Amino acid sequence: MKKFLVLYKAPMEEFTKAMQTMKPEDQEASKKEWMDWMTKNKPTLADMGAPVGKTKIVTKAGATDGHNDIGGYSVVQADNADDAAKIFADSPHFTRMNGTIELSEIMAM
């Protein structure tokens, strides 16, 4: 089995809107939707992942504050990229915001 890094992405405005406008009952419903999806896909999840916070951009000159469209990550296992992509056909990421999911194979060193 190969491992794939999964990035849950959406425009920053979508994340901000979701955080500012979701009612507590909607937040609970969203958490339940995610937990149900994670439980269903547990055999393929090498790392369930988590949401991510603020970004730092690091160069030889130092670190500065930055921003990007990454809201979270996971690591999944599948035979190939097409099989990995199929895991996300019903992902809750698509129900709450106008987002995308990117998969990148984690290469062996």
C-alpha atoms as a PDB file:
ATOM      1  CA  MET A   1       0.000   0.000   0.000  1.00  0.00           C
ATOM      2  CA  LYS A   2       1.099   3.530  -0.753  1.00  0.00           C
ATOM      3  CA  LYS A   3       0.525   6.491   1.535  1.00  0.00           C
ATOM      4  CA  PHE A   4      -0.943   9.793   0.376  1.00  0.00           C
ATOM      5  CA  LEU A   5      -0.850  13.199   2.036  1.00  0.00           C
ATOM      6  CA  VAL A   6      -4.322  14.713   1.930  1.00  0.00           C
ATOM      7  CA  LEU A   7      -4.785  18.492   2.063  1.00  0.00           C
ATOM      8  CA  TYR A   8      -8.262  19.888   2.695  1.00  0.00           C
ATOM      9  CA  LYS A   9      -8.297  23.247   0.930  1.00  0.00           C
ATOM     10  CA  ALA A  10     -10.728  26.152   0.507  1.00  0.00           C
ATOM     11  CA  PRO A  11     -10.507  29.891   0.024  1.00  0.00           C
ATOM     12  CA  MET A  12      -9.632  31.650   3.293  1.00  0.00           C
ATOM     13  CA  GLU A  13     -12.955  33.498   3.103  1.00  0.00           C
ATOM     14  CA  GLU A  14     -14.794  30.152   3.256  1.00  0.00           C
ATOM     15  CA  PHE A  15     -12.966  29.094   6.434  1.00  0.00           C
ATOM     16  CA  THR A  16     -13.551  32.512   8.017  1.00  0.00           C
ATOM     17  CA  LYS A  17     -17.234  32.492   7.096  1.00  0.00           C
ATOM     18  CA  ALA A  18     -17.708  28.989   8.488  1.00  0.00           C
ATOM     19  CA  MET A  19     -16.036  29.901  11.783  1.00  0.00           C
ATOM     20  CA  GLN A  20     -18.017  33.119  12.176  1.00  0.00           C
ATOM     21  CA  THR A  21     -21.473  31.984  11.096  1.00  0.00           C
ATOM     22  CA  MET A  22     -21.833  28.377  12.235  1.00  0.00           C
ATOM     23  CA  LYS A  23     -24.215  27.985  15.146  1.00  0.00           C
ATOM     24  CA  PRO A  24     -23.191  25.586  17.940  1.00  0.00           C
ATOM     25  CA  GLU A  25     -25.697  22.978  16.747  1.00  0.00           C
ATOM     26  CA  ASP A  26     -24.265  23.233  13.213  1.00  0.00           C
ATOM     27  CA  GLN A  27     -20.747  22.790  14.615  1.00  0.00           C
ATOM     28  CA  GLU A  28     -21.871  19.647  16.447  1.00  0.00           C
ATOM     29  CA  ALA A  29     -23.567  18.321  13.304  1.00  0.00           C
ATOM     30  CA  SER A  30     -20.387  18.981  11.321  1.00  0.00           C
ATOM     31  CA  LYS A  31     -18.237  17.183  13.918  1.00  0.00           C
ATOM     32  CA  LYS A  32     -20.597  14.201  13.841  1.00  0.00           C
ATOM     33  CA  GLU A  33     -20.535  14.130  10.042  1.00  0.00           C
ATOM     34  CA  TRP A  34     -16.712  14.103  10.102  1.00  0.00           C
ATOM     35  CA  MET A  35     -16.510  11.440  12.811  1.00  0.00           C
ATOM     36  CA  ASP A  36     -18.981   9.209  10.931  1.00  0.00           C
ATOM     37  CA  TRP A  37     -16.959   9.636   7.732  1.00  0.00           C
ATOM     38  CA  MET A  38     -13.686   8.936   9.562  1.00  0.00           C
ATOM     39  CA  THR A  39     -15.136   5.813  11.205  1.00  0.00           C
ATOM     40  CA  LYS A  40     -16.366   4.525   7.846  1.00  0.00           C
ATOM     41  CA  ASN A  41     -12.937   5.091   6.286  1.00  0.00           C
ATOM     42  CA  LYS A  42     -10.838   4.045   9.296  1.00  0.00           C
ATOM     43  CA  PRO A  43      -9.141   1.139   7.449  1.00  0.00           C
ATOM     44  CA  THR A  44      -7.648   3.578   4.924  1.00  0.00           C
ATOM     45  CA  LEU A  45      -6.603   6.278   7.396  1.00  0.00           C
ATOM     46  CA  ALA A  46      -2.935   6.014   8.337  1.00  0.00           C
ATOM     47  CA  ASP A  47      -3.287   9.339  10.201  1.00  0.00           C
ATOM     48  CA  MET A  48      -6.707  10.873  10.806  1.00  0.00           C
ATOM     49  CA  GLY A  49      -5.076  14.289  10.700  1.00  0.00           C
ATOM     50  CA  ALA A  50      -6.425  17.533  12.099  1.00  0.00           C
ATOM     51  CA  PRO A  51      -7.250  21.112  11.237  1.00  0.00           C
ATOM     52  CA  VAL A  52      -4.229  23.391  10.838  1.00  0.00           C
ATOM     53  CA  GLY A  53      -3.636  26.861  12.214  1.00  0.00           C
ATOM     54  CA  LYS A  54      -1.717  29.973  11.239  1.00  0.00           C
ATOM     55  CA  THR A  55       1.087  29.755   8.705  1.00  0.00           C
ATOM     56  CA  LYS A  56       4.728  30.775   8.979  1.00  0.00           C
ATOM     57  CA  ILE A  57       6.813  31.094   5.833  1.00  0.00           C
ATOM     58  CA  VAL A  58      10.422  30.171   6.541  1.00  0.00           C
ATOM     59  CA  THR A  59      13.369  31.150   4.337  1.00  0.00           C
ATOM     60  CA  LYS A  60      17.100  31.518   4.940  1.00  0.00           C
ATOM     61  CA  ALA A  61      16.343  35.131   5.845  1.00  0.00           C
ATOM     62  CA  GLY A  62      13.967  34.129   8.652  1.00  0.00           C
ATOM     63  CA  ALA A  63      10.286  33.495   9.281  1.00  0.00           C
ATOM     64  CA  THR A  64       7.323  35.701   8.447  1.00  0.00           C
ATOM     65  CA  ASP A  65       3.576  35.346   8.910  1.00  0.00           C
ATOM     66  CA  GLY A  66       1.775  33.969   5.883  1.00  0.00           C
ATOM     67  CA  HIS A  67      -1.508  32.477   4.807  1.00  0.00           C
ATOM     68  CA  ASN A  68      -2.690  29.748   2.486  1.00  0.00           C
ATOM     69  CA  ASP A  69      -5.830  27.809   1.641  1.00  0.00           C
ATOM     70  CA  ILE A  70      -5.040  24.682   3.683  1.00  0.00           C
ATOM     71  CA  GLY A  71      -7.560  23.954   6.416  1.00  0.00           C
ATOM     72  CA  GLY A  72      -6.407  20.510   7.486  1.00  0.00           C
ATOM     73  CA  TYR A  73      -4.640  17.298   6.561  1.00  0.00           C
ATOM     74  CA  SER A  74      -4.894  13.511   6.729  1.00  0.00           C
ATOM     75  CA  VAL A  75      -2.779  10.608   5.521  1.00  0.00           C
ATOM     76  CA  VAL A  76      -4.508   7.721   3.726  1.00  0.00           C
ATOM     77  CA  GLN A  77      -3.353   4.377   2.388  1.00  0.00           C
ATOM     78  CA  ALA A  78      -4.368   3.017  -1.002  1.00  0.00           C
ATOM     79  CA  ASP A  79      -2.925   0.964  -3.843  1.00  0.00           C
ATOM     80  CA  ASN A  80      -2.757   3.998  -6.140  1.00  0.00           C
ATOM     81  CA  ALA A  81      -3.809   7.645  -6.465  1.00  0.00           C
ATOM     82  CA  ASP A  82      -7.095   6.822  -8.193  1.00  0.00           C
ATOM     83  CA  ASP A  83      -8.117   4.517  -5.341  1.00  0.00           C
ATOM     84  CA  ALA A  84      -7.071   7.157  -2.825  1.00  0.00           C
ATOM     85  CA  ALA A  85      -9.198   9.767  -4.612  1.00  0.00           C
ATOM     86  CA  LYS A  86     -12.271   7.502  -4.447  1.00  0.00           C
ATOM     87  CA  ILE A  87     -12.097   7.571  -0.645  1.00  0.00           C
ATOM     88  CA  PHE A  88     -13.065  11.258  -0.728  1.00  0.00           C
ATOM     89  CA  ALA A  89     -16.076  11.095  -3.047  1.00  0.00           C
ATOM     90  CA  ASP A  90     -18.415  11.647  -0.087  1.00  0.00           C
ATOM     91  CA  SER A  91     -16.104  13.730   2.103  1.00  0.00           C
ATOM     92  CA  PRO A  92     -17.781  16.171   4.504  1.00  0.00           C
ATOM     93  CA  HIS A  93     -15.288  18.776   3.293  1.00  0.00           C
ATOM     94  CA  PHE A  94     -17.514  19.347   0.277  1.00  0.00           C
ATOM     95  CA  THR A  95     -20.742  19.888   2.250  1.00  0.00           C
ATOM     96  CA  ARG A  96     -19.791  22.967   4.262  1.00  0.00           C
ATOM     97  CA  MET A  97     -17.612  25.037   1.940  1.00  0.00           C
ATOM     98  CA  ASN A  98     -16.490  25.499  -1.629  1.00  0.00           C
ATOM     99  CA  GLY A  99     -13.313  23.480  -1.194  1.00  0.00           C
ATOM    100  CA  THR A 100     -11.024  20.988  -2.849  1.00  0.00           C
ATOM    101  CA  ILE A 101      -8.972  18.055  -1.662  1.00  0.00           C
ATOM    102  CA  GLU A 102      -5.432  17.470  -2.891  1.00  0.00           C
ATOM    103  CA  LEU A 103      -3.660  14.109  -2.716  1.00  0.00           C
ATOM    104  CA  SER A 104       0.090  13.673  -3.016  1.00  0.00           C
ATOM    105  CA  GLU A 105       1.858  10.337  -2.810  1.00  0.00           C
ATOM    106  CA  ILE A 106       4.334  10.173   0.044  1.00  0.00           C
ATOM    107  CA  MET A 107       7.495   8.847  -1.543  1.00  0.00           C
ATOM    108  CA  ALA A 108       9.783   6.386   0.208  1.00  0.00           C
ATOM    109  CA  MET A 109      13.238   7.727   1.097  1.00  0.00           C
END
